[in-house]
Amino acid sequence: MDEIERALEWIERHKNDLAAELTRLVSVPSIVGSEGPCQQVVAELMKEACDVIDIWEPDASWLERHPAYFLRGVSFTGRPNVVGVLRGLGGGRSIILNAHVDVVDPGPADAWKYSPWSGALSEGKLYGRGSVDDKAGLAVIIFVAQCIRSLGLSLRGDVILQSTVDEEWGGGGTLATIQRGYRADAAIVFEPTSLEICPAARGGQAFRVTVPGKGAHPFRSYEGVSALEKAIPLLAALKRLEGERQGRFRTALFERYPIFLPIVVGKISADVIPSKVPERCVFEGLMGYAPDEAYTDARQELEACVAGAASTDPWLKDHSPVVEWLGLNKEGAQTPTDHPLVRLMGESFIQVMDGQPTIAGFPAGCDLPHLRKHAGIPSVVFGPGNPVIAHGSNEYVELEEVVNAARIVAVALLRWCGGDGSSAVLPRAS
């Protein structure tokens, strides 16, 4: 308890340093595909606290052979992962702290109150692209490691800090840490959860449906078949499927979300010539699927839904729509809610916040399934910031919530890594 009190006092004294480090991270653009310069900053900050710094570029050829990576032709040149390790004394449980450095494009600069790379502070909020997703979490894990090192606290288990690339698209960075040999007794995957503890994350995959029609000039439109009009009942069928799946797959972790497995169509187009009956309509969207649902089963349901709706139409039953699955696919996974890591995170929250934590599902794709499903590591999603704000213009994070996240993580680390358990398996650093 003395060590926990010392850590909390240190965090309080140095919380302005946490804000400064977060500002520095936000000020270096790291749009997915161009993460290298910001990773240099991450490595510099980690060196202050870690015994080992490992920097390497993921192997694209290995990723393309992995069953959880669905993209092809992605280059990782100039896009390194950075991992820092605080070695324990031995005999304690190890943990991975995983955060991603890549961010989405900020969009039009004039849509921002402050520059998206400013890290501007206003009324307790820090603004900028990536401030909430996911550089607040990245700053927290580095800051907590600095706290442990500065106080000379001795942990029995290893702490592995992971700053990964490519989370916003394929998750190749976290998968590459598995190939590198990093394992631990547990993992915290940092995403904005408003400090909720999330032992489950749903999956999501992108699809395209091409609907055939029969083109015709407007003056003989009665001889044509509008592909756009034929798409409408298919969209309605997908909406019905979405509603039916909520009840069938809902668990207590997702009970508050009216729609936690969305089927969203975000793009639709027909022939480029407006003065013509369109002979083809294409729509694209995202299908969410449950943490314990195989992506192949979800695909079969959507394909069967489209085929079933088409079979009732005189034109479409002989001119079948085509369903394709695009490169974006992030699987779901979950850790039992009674796992010691989940309990410990809840107890740490109570100790810091003097209130009860919320244990819930994370309603979006993330890298938890890579660690949980493909490396067998019990994991939770956790972090400061409102996930609704992520990816939008004027993205921001409340600084007090970032500090509270650091407090909770520090307490959890001191308790988890000081207990009994096996140590991490560590690769040779490059």
Protein backbone atom coordinates (compact mmCIF):
# COMPACT_ATOMS: atom_id res chain seq x y z
CA MET A 1 0.00 0.00 0.00
CA ASP A 2 2.90 2.34 0.70
CA GLU A 3 4.13 1.91 -2.87
CA ILE A 4 0.64 2.64 -4.23
CA GLU A 5 0.40 5.81 -2.14
CA ARG A 6 3.82 6.93 -3.35
CA ALA A 7 2.84 6.30 -6.97
CA LEU A 8 -0.40 8.25 -6.62
CA GLU A 9 1.44 11.14 -4.99
CA TRP A 10 4.02 11.13 -7.81
CA ILE A 11 1.29 11.21 -10.44
CA GLU A 12 -0.34 14.17 -8.74
CA ARG A 13 2.94 16.07 -8.62
CA HIS A 14 3.79 15.33 -12.25
CA LYS A 15 0.39 15.45 -13.96
CA ASN A 16 1.42 18.54 -15.92
CA ASP A 17 4.24 16.44 -17.39
CA LEU A 18 1.64 13.93 -18.55
CA ALA A 19 -0.24 16.71 -20.35
CA ALA A 20 3.00 17.94 -21.92
CA GLU A 21 3.91 14.48 -23.19
CA LEU A 22 0.44 14.02 -24.65
CA THR A 23 0.70 17.39 -26.38
CA ARG A 24 4.04 16.35 -27.84
CA LEU A 25 2.60 13.10 -29.18
CA VAL A 26 -0.40 14.83 -30.72
CA SER A 27 1.79 17.48 -32.35
CA VAL A 28 3.58 14.88 -34.50
CA PRO A 29 1.21 13.62 -37.24
CA SER A 30 0.92 9.84 -37.43
CA ILE A 31 -1.83 9.17 -39.96
CA VAL A 32 -2.05 5.46 -40.64
CA GLY A 33 0.73 4.67 -43.09
CA SER A 34 2.99 7.48 -41.84
CA GLU A 35 3.63 6.62 -38.21
CA GLY A 36 7.44 6.68 -38.27
CA PRO A 37 8.20 10.22 -37.04
CA CYS A 38 5.87 9.91 -34.05
CA GLN A 39 7.31 6.51 -33.18
CA GLN A 40 10.71 8.19 -32.88
CA VAL A 41 9.21 10.40 -30.17
CA VAL A 42 7.65 7.36 -28.48
CA ALA A 43 11.00 5.56 -28.42
CA GLU A 44 12.67 8.62 -26.91
CA LEU A 45 10.06 8.83 -24.14
CA MET A 46 10.18 5.10 -23.42
CA LYS A 47 13.97 5.13 -23.04
CA GLU A 48 13.55 7.14 -19.85
CA ALA A 49 11.72 4.29 -18.18
CA CYS A 50 12.44 0.97 -19.90
CA ASP A 51 15.24 -1.57 -19.67
CA VAL A 52 14.77 -2.71 -23.28
CA ILE A 53 13.61 -0.80 -26.36
CA ASP A 54 12.69 -2.89 -29.39
CA ILE A 55 12.02 -1.14 -32.73
CA TRP A 56 11.17 -3.04 -35.90
CA GLU A 57 8.98 -2.92 -39.00
CA PRO A 58 6.26 -5.58 -39.24
CA ASP A 59 6.76 -8.32 -41.82
CA ALA A 60 4.02 -7.84 -44.42
CA SER A 61 4.57 -11.26 -45.97
CA TRP A 62 4.04 -12.96 -42.60
CA LEU A 63 0.94 -10.87 -41.92
CA GLU A 64 -0.61 -11.84 -45.23
CA ARG A 65 -0.36 -15.48 -44.18
CA HIS A 66 -1.96 -14.86 -40.79
CA PRO A 67 -5.67 -15.80 -40.47
CA ALA A 68 -6.50 -12.56 -38.65
CA TYR A 69 -5.02 -10.20 -41.25
CA PHE A 70 -7.26 -9.55 -44.22
CA LEU A 71 -5.38 -6.87 -46.17
CA ARG A 72 -2.99 -7.37 -49.05
CA GLY A 73 -0.20 -5.24 -50.47
CA VAL A 74 0.32 -3.13 -47.34
CA SER A 75 3.82 -1.72 -46.87
CA PHE A 76 5.34 -1.26 -43.43
CA THR A 77 8.48 0.49 -44.62
CA GLY A 78 9.08 3.45 -42.31
CA ARG A 79 6.28 2.25 -40.01
CA PRO A 80 7.95 0.59 -37.03
CA ASN A 81 6.46 -0.80 -33.88
CA VAL A 82 8.07 0.35 -30.64
CA VAL A 83 8.07 -1.88 -27.57
CA GLY A 84 9.62 -1.03 -24.23
CA VAL A 85 10.12 -3.53 -21.41
CA LEU A 86 10.45 -2.93 -17.67
CA ARG A 87 12.00 -6.12 -16.43
CA GLY A 88 10.66 -7.50 -13.17
CA LEU A 89 12.66 -9.20 -10.47
CA GLY A 90 11.04 -12.53 -11.29
CA GLY A 91 8.23 -14.62 -9.87
CA GLY A 92 5.48 -12.11 -10.61
CA ARG A 93 2.71 -11.86 -13.14
CA SER A 94 3.55 -10.01 -16.35
CA ILE A 95 1.37 -7.62 -18.32
CA ILE A 96 1.21 -6.00 -21.75
CA LEU A 97 0.08 -2.38 -22.07
CA ASN A 98 -0.94 -2.00 -25.71
CA ALA A 99 -1.75 1.31 -27.41
CA HIS A 100 -1.68 2.37 -31.06
CA VAL A 101 0.11 5.38 -32.47
CA ASP A 102 -1.71 5.57 -35.82
CA VAL A 103 -4.59 7.98 -36.30
CA VAL A 104 -7.16 8.62 -39.02
CA ASP A 105 -6.91 11.56 -41.42
CA PRO A 106 -8.04 14.81 -39.77
CA GLY A 107 -10.11 15.92 -42.75
CA PRO A 108 -10.65 19.59 -43.65
CA ALA A 109 -8.53 21.90 -41.50
CA ASP A 110 -11.25 24.57 -41.49
CA ALA A 111 -13.54 22.15 -39.64
CA TRP A 112 -11.26 22.36 -36.60
CA LYS A 113 -11.38 25.00 -33.89
CA TYR A 114 -7.64 24.49 -33.39
CA SER A 115 -5.09 22.91 -35.70
CA PRO A 116 -5.51 19.12 -35.61
CA TRP A 117 -1.81 18.85 -34.71
CA SER A 118 -1.79 21.62 -32.11
CA GLY A 119 -2.43 19.73 -28.89
CA ALA A 120 -4.15 22.93 -27.80
CA LEU A 121 -5.38 23.18 -24.19
CA SER A 122 -8.70 24.83 -23.41
CA GLU A 123 -10.91 24.50 -20.32
CA GLY A 124 -9.32 21.26 -19.23
CA LYS A 125 -9.49 19.66 -22.68
CA LEU A 126 -6.60 18.77 -24.97
CA TYR A 127 -7.49 19.02 -28.67
CA GLY A 128 -6.01 17.34 -31.71
CA ARG A 129 -6.25 14.35 -34.01
CA GLY A 130 -5.46 11.28 -31.96
CA SER A 131 -5.84 13.06 -28.63
CA VAL A 132 -8.50 10.56 -27.56
CA ASP A 133 -7.81 7.80 -30.09
CA ASP A 134 -5.28 6.70 -29.06
CA LYS A 135 -2.50 9.00 -27.92
CA ALA A 136 -4.05 9.63 -24.52
CA GLY A 137 -3.74 5.91 -23.83
CA LEU A 138 -0.22 5.87 -25.27
CA ALA A 139 0.79 8.79 -23.03
CA VAL A 140 -0.67 7.02 -20.00
CA ILE A 141 1.34 3.83 -20.42
CA ILE A 142 4.59 5.73 -20.91
CA PHE A 143 3.86 8.04 -17.96
CA VAL A 144 3.07 5.17 -15.60
CA ALA A 145 6.31 3.45 -16.58
CA GLN A 146 8.17 6.69 -15.86
CA CYS A 147 6.47 6.82 -12.46
CA ILE A 148 7.59 3.30 -11.57
CA ARG A 149 11.15 3.94 -12.71
CA SER A 150 11.42 7.37 -11.07
CA LEU A 151 10.30 6.01 -7.70
CA GLY A 152 12.56 2.99 -7.99
CA LEU A 153 9.65 0.64 -7.41
CA SER A 154 10.54 -3.02 -7.86
CA LEU A 155 7.98 -5.13 -9.67
CA ARG A 156 8.22 -8.91 -9.70
CA GLY A 157 6.59 -9.28 -13.12
CA ASP A 158 7.58 -7.71 -16.43
CA VAL A 159 5.69 -4.75 -17.91
CA ILE A 160 5.67 -4.61 -21.71
CA LEU A 161 4.72 -1.30 -23.32
CA GLN A 162 3.56 -1.62 -26.93
CA SER A 163 3.16 1.33 -29.31
CA THR A 164 1.79 -0.29 -32.44
CA VAL A 165 1.00 0.82 -35.98
CA ASP A 166 -1.90 -0.04 -38.30
CA GLU A 167 -4.67 -0.47 -35.70
CA GLU A 168 -7.02 1.84 -37.57
CA TRP A 169 -7.01 -0.46 -40.57
CA GLY A 170 -5.77 -4.03 -40.28
CA GLY A 171 -4.20 -4.41 -36.85
CA GLY A 172 -0.90 -5.55 -38.32
CA GLY A 173 1.18 -3.85 -35.66
CA THR A 174 -0.26 -5.81 -32.75
CA LEU A 175 -0.18 -9.06 -34.72
CA ALA A 176 3.50 -8.36 -35.41
CA THR A 177 4.20 -8.22 -31.66
CA ILE A 178 2.88 -11.77 -31.44
CA GLN A 179 5.22 -12.87 -34.22
CA ARG A 180 8.05 -11.10 -32.39
CA GLY A 181 7.45 -13.36 -29.42
CA TYR A 182 5.85 -11.00 -26.90
CA ARG A 183 3.58 -12.78 -24.42
CA ALA A 184 2.33 -11.96 -20.95
CA ASP A 185 -0.10 -13.18 -18.31
CA ALA A 186 -2.54 -10.39 -19.17
CA ALA A 187 -2.96 -7.32 -21.35
CA ILE A 188 -4.68 -3.96 -21.23
CA VAL A 189 -5.56 -2.65 -24.69
CA PHE A 190 -5.90 1.11 -24.55
CA GLU A 191 -8.83 2.67 -26.40
CA PRO A 192 -11.18 5.46 -25.32
CA THR A 193 -13.76 3.81 -23.03
CA SER A 194 -14.53 6.71 -20.63
CA LEU A 195 -12.67 4.60 -18.03
CA GLU A 196 -15.09 1.71 -18.45
CA ILE A 197 -13.52 -1.74 -18.17
CA CYS A 198 -14.32 -3.74 -21.30
CA PRO A 199 -13.45 -7.45 -21.34
CA ALA A 200 -15.20 -7.97 -24.70
CA ALA A 201 -15.03 -6.30 -28.11
CA ARG A 202 -17.25 -6.97 -31.08
CA GLY A 203 -15.99 -7.65 -34.58
CA GLY A 204 -16.66 -5.75 -37.78
CA GLN A 205 -16.15 -6.43 -41.49
CA ALA A 206 -16.74 -4.43 -44.63
CA PHE A 207 -18.87 -5.67 -47.52
CA ARG A 208 -20.00 -4.67 -51.00
CA VAL A 209 -23.21 -5.67 -52.80
CA THR A 210 -23.55 -5.25 -56.56
CA VAL A 211 -27.13 -5.24 -57.84
CA PRO A 212 -27.73 -5.80 -61.58
CA GLY A 213 -30.40 -4.04 -63.61
CA LYS A 214 -31.17 -3.37 -67.26
CA GLY A 215 -30.23 -0.02 -68.73
CA ALA A 216 -32.57 1.97 -70.95
CA HIS A 217 -32.97 5.48 -72.40
CA PRO A 218 -35.56 7.55 -70.52
CA PHE A 219 -37.97 7.60 -73.47
CA ARG A 220 -38.09 3.79 -73.30
CA SER A 221 -37.65 3.54 -69.53
CA TYR A 222 -40.42 0.95 -69.37
CA GLU A 223 -38.05 -1.46 -71.11
CA GLY A 224 -35.38 -1.04 -68.43
CA VAL A 225 -34.97 -2.37 -64.90
CA SER A 226 -33.62 0.11 -62.38
CA ALA A 227 -30.81 -1.47 -60.37
CA LEU A 228 -31.22 1.35 -57.87
CA GLU A 229 -34.86 0.48 -57.26
CA LYS A 230 -33.98 -3.21 -56.97
CA ALA A 231 -31.43 -2.38 -54.27
CA ILE A 232 -34.07 -0.84 -52.01
CA PRO A 233 -35.67 -4.12 -50.82
CA LEU A 234 -32.21 -5.56 -50.22
CA LEU A 235 -31.38 -2.63 -47.94
CA ALA A 236 -34.66 -3.17 -46.10
CA ALA A 237 -33.85 -6.88 -45.66
CA LEU A 238 -30.45 -6.03 -44.19
CA LYS A 239 -32.09 -3.65 -41.75
CA ARG A 240 -34.41 -6.45 -40.62
CA LEU A 241 -31.42 -8.79 -40.22
CA GLU A 242 -29.68 -6.17 -38.12
CA GLY A 243 -32.64 -5.97 -35.74
CA GLU A 244 -32.99 -9.73 -35.43
CA ARG A 245 -29.31 -10.22 -34.62
CA GLN A 246 -29.37 -7.82 -31.67
CA GLY A 247 -31.64 -10.05 -29.63
CA ARG A 248 -29.99 -13.29 -30.65
CA PHE A 249 -26.44 -12.26 -29.75
CA ARG A 250 -26.97 -9.73 -26.97
CA THR A 251 -25.24 -10.35 -23.65
CA ALA A 252 -25.24 -8.37 -20.41
CA LEU A 253 -22.05 -6.57 -21.48
CA PHE A 254 -23.87 -4.97 -24.43
CA GLU A 255 -27.35 -4.61 -22.94
CA ARG A 256 -27.38 -0.80 -22.95
CA TYR A 257 -26.82 -0.50 -26.72
CA PRO A 258 -29.99 -0.62 -28.85
CA ILE A 259 -27.80 -1.60 -31.79
CA PHE A 260 -24.46 -3.16 -30.84
CA LEU A 261 -24.06 -5.26 -34.01
CA PRO A 262 -24.70 -2.68 -36.73
CA ILE A 263 -25.23 -3.35 -40.40
CA VAL A 264 -24.56 0.10 -41.79
CA VAL A 265 -24.53 1.06 -45.45
CA GLY A 266 -22.32 4.10 -45.83
CA LYS A 267 -21.94 4.32 -49.58
CA ILE A 268 -24.28 3.73 -52.52
CA SER A 269 -23.91 4.56 -56.20
CA ALA A 270 -25.57 3.79 -59.52
CA ASP A 271 -24.71 4.62 -63.14
CA VAL A 272 -22.93 7.93 -63.58
CA ILE A 273 -25.35 9.06 -66.30
CA PRO A 274 -28.45 10.59 -64.67
CA SER A 275 -30.57 10.39 -67.86
CA LYS A 276 -30.62 6.61 -67.94
CA VAL A 277 -32.28 3.73 -66.17
CA PRO A 278 -29.31 2.48 -64.08
CA GLU A 279 -28.13 -0.99 -64.97
CA ARG A 280 -25.94 -1.42 -61.91
CA CYS A 281 -26.15 -0.28 -58.29
CA VAL A 282 -23.35 -0.81 -55.76
CA PHE A 283 -23.58 -0.27 -52.03
CA GLU A 284 -20.92 -0.79 -49.37
CA GLY A 285 -21.15 -1.02 -45.62
CA LEU A 286 -19.96 -2.56 -42.37
CA MET A 287 -21.38 -5.59 -40.59
CA GLY A 288 -20.74 -5.86 -36.86
CA TYR A 289 -20.58 -9.33 -35.35
CA ALA A 290 -20.51 -10.74 -31.84
CA PRO A 291 -17.34 -11.36 -29.80
CA ASP A 292 -17.81 -15.13 -29.90
CA GLU A 293 -19.17 -15.29 -33.46
CA ALA A 294 -16.99 -16.53 -36.30
CA TYR A 295 -16.68 -13.98 -39.07
CA THR A 296 -17.45 -16.73 -41.61
CA ASP A 297 -20.79 -17.42 -39.90
CA ALA A 298 -21.66 -13.72 -39.95
CA ARG A 299 -20.82 -13.58 -43.64
CA GLN A 300 -23.07 -16.51 -44.39
CA GLU A 301 -25.97 -14.78 -42.63
CA LEU A 302 -25.60 -11.60 -44.65
CA GLU A 303 -25.17 -13.48 -47.91
CA ALA A 304 -28.25 -15.60 -47.16
CA CYS A 305 -30.22 -12.46 -46.33
CA VAL A 306 -29.37 -10.84 -49.66
CA ALA A 307 -30.08 -14.04 -51.57
CA GLY A 308 -33.38 -14.55 -49.77
CA ALA A 309 -34.58 -11.04 -50.52
CA ALA A 310 -33.51 -11.40 -54.17
CA SER A 311 -35.39 -14.69 -54.54
CA THR A 312 -38.73 -12.94 -53.99
CA ASP A 313 -38.14 -10.48 -56.85
CA PRO A 314 -38.98 -11.63 -60.42
CA TRP A 315 -35.91 -9.88 -61.84
CA LEU A 316 -33.35 -10.54 -59.13
CA LYS A 317 -34.13 -14.23 -58.77
CA ASP A 318 -32.69 -14.66 -62.28
CA HIS A 319 -30.09 -11.85 -62.01
CA SER A 320 -28.50 -12.47 -58.63
CA PRO A 321 -26.84 -9.68 -56.62
CA VAL A 322 -23.18 -10.31 -55.82
CA VAL A 323 -21.83 -9.97 -52.26
CA GLU A 324 -18.11 -9.29 -51.79
CA TRP A 325 -16.08 -8.99 -48.60
CA LEU A 326 -13.55 -6.19 -48.56
CA GLY A 327 -10.19 -6.01 -46.79
CA LEU A 328 -11.39 -4.46 -43.53
CA ASN A 329 -12.20 -7.17 -40.99
CA LYS A 330 -11.42 -7.02 -37.28
CA GLU A 331 -12.56 -10.02 -35.29
CA GLY A 332 -14.21 -9.97 -31.88
CA ALA A 333 -13.21 -11.75 -28.68
CA GLN A 334 -13.83 -11.67 -24.95
CA THR A 335 -12.29 -12.45 -21.58
CA PRO A 336 -14.53 -13.90 -18.83
CA THR A 337 -15.85 -11.18 -16.54
CA ASP A 338 -14.71 -13.15 -13.50
CA HIS A 339 -11.08 -13.29 -14.66
CA PRO A 340 -8.61 -11.94 -12.05
CA LEU A 341 -7.55 -9.15 -14.43
CA VAL A 342 -11.13 -7.86 -14.73
CA ARG A 343 -11.62 -8.04 -10.98
CA LEU A 344 -8.31 -6.29 -10.31
CA MET A 345 -9.09 -3.49 -12.77
CA GLY A 346 -12.43 -2.99 -11.02
CA GLU A 347 -10.81 -2.90 -7.59
CA SER A 348 -8.19 -0.42 -8.83
CA PHE A 349 -10.94 1.80 -10.22
CA ILE A 350 -12.73 1.77 -6.86
CA GLN A 351 -9.54 2.65 -4.99
CA VAL A 352 -8.83 5.65 -7.22
CA MET A 353 -12.31 6.90 -8.10
CA ASP A 354 -14.17 6.01 -4.90
CA GLY A 355 -17.07 4.69 -6.94
CA GLN A 356 -18.18 1.57 -8.77
CA PRO A 357 -16.72 0.82 -12.21
CA THR A 358 -18.76 0.02 -15.28
CA ILE A 359 -17.98 -3.37 -16.79
CA ALA A 360 -19.21 -3.37 -20.38
CA GLY A 361 -18.52 -4.50 -23.91
CA PHE A 362 -16.51 -2.34 -26.29
CA PRO A 363 -18.88 -1.65 -29.21
CA ALA A 364 -16.23 -1.32 -31.93
CA GLY A 365 -13.33 -3.15 -33.48
CA CYS A 366 -9.92 -2.99 -31.79
CA ASP A 367 -6.77 -5.06 -31.23
CA LEU A 368 -8.01 -6.97 -28.16
CA PRO A 369 -8.99 -10.01 -30.28
CA HIS A 370 -5.47 -10.31 -31.69
CA LEU A 371 -4.03 -10.73 -28.20
CA ARG A 372 -6.92 -12.71 -26.74
CA LYS A 373 -7.79 -14.98 -29.64
CA HIS A 374 -4.48 -15.42 -31.42
CA ALA A 375 -2.04 -15.25 -28.50
CA GLY A 376 -4.25 -16.59 -25.72
CA ILE A 377 -3.69 -13.55 -23.48
CA PRO A 378 -6.56 -12.52 -21.16
CA SER A 379 -7.21 -8.88 -22.09
CA VAL A 380 -9.44 -5.91 -21.38
CA VAL A 381 -10.02 -2.67 -23.26
CA PHE A 382 -9.62 0.44 -21.11
CA GLY A 383 -8.70 4.07 -21.48
CA PRO A 384 -9.55 7.72 -21.03
CA GLY A 385 -11.84 9.67 -23.31
CA ASN A 386 -15.24 9.38 -24.93
CA PRO A 387 -15.16 6.98 -27.91
CA VAL A 388 -17.92 8.98 -29.61
CA ILE A 389 -15.45 11.86 -30.07
CA ALA A 390 -12.89 9.68 -31.86
CA HIS A 391 -12.35 10.30 -35.60
CA GLY A 392 -14.38 13.52 -35.58
CA SER A 393 -13.32 17.09 -36.14
CA ASN A 394 -12.29 18.89 -32.92
CA GLU A 395 -11.35 15.61 -31.27
CA TYR A 396 -10.35 16.16 -27.64
CA VAL A 397 -9.77 14.40 -24.35
CA GLU A 398 -10.47 15.61 -20.81
CA LEU A 399 -7.10 15.92 -19.07
CA GLU A 400 -8.45 14.97 -15.66
CA GLU A 401 -9.70 11.71 -17.13
CA VAL A 402 -6.24 11.03 -18.57
CA VAL A 403 -4.73 11.57 -15.12
CA ASN A 404 -7.32 9.28 -13.53
CA ALA A 405 -6.51 6.61 -16.10
CA ALA A 406 -2.85 6.85 -15.10
CA ARG A 407 -3.79 6.49 -11.45
CA ILE A 408 -5.93 3.41 -12.09
CA VAL A 409 -3.28 1.76 -14.27
CA ALA A 410 -0.53 2.47 -11.76
CA VAL A 411 -2.52 0.82 -8.96
CA ALA A 412 -3.36 -2.15 -11.18
CA LEU A 413 0.27 -2.65 -12.24
CA LEU A 414 1.64 -2.51 -8.71
CA ARG A 415 -0.89 -5.10 -7.57
CA TRP A 416 -0.78 -7.36 -10.65
CA CYS A 417 2.96 -7.45 -11.23
CA GLY A 418 3.75 -7.80 -7.55
CA GLY A 419 1.82 -11.07 -7.25
CA ASP A 420 2.66 -14.64 -8.14
CA GLY A 421 2.63 -15.84 -11.72
CA SER A 422 4.81 -16.53 -14.68
CA SER A 423 7.07 -14.01 -16.35
CA ALA A 424 6.75 -12.86 -19.94
CA VAL A 425 8.59 -14.50 -22.79
CA LEU A 426 10.79 -11.79 -24.26
CA PRO A 427 12.50 -11.81 -27.65
CA ARG A 428 15.99 -10.54 -28.26
CA ALA A 429 15.86 -6.77 -28.75
CA SER A 430 17.05 -5.41 -32.08
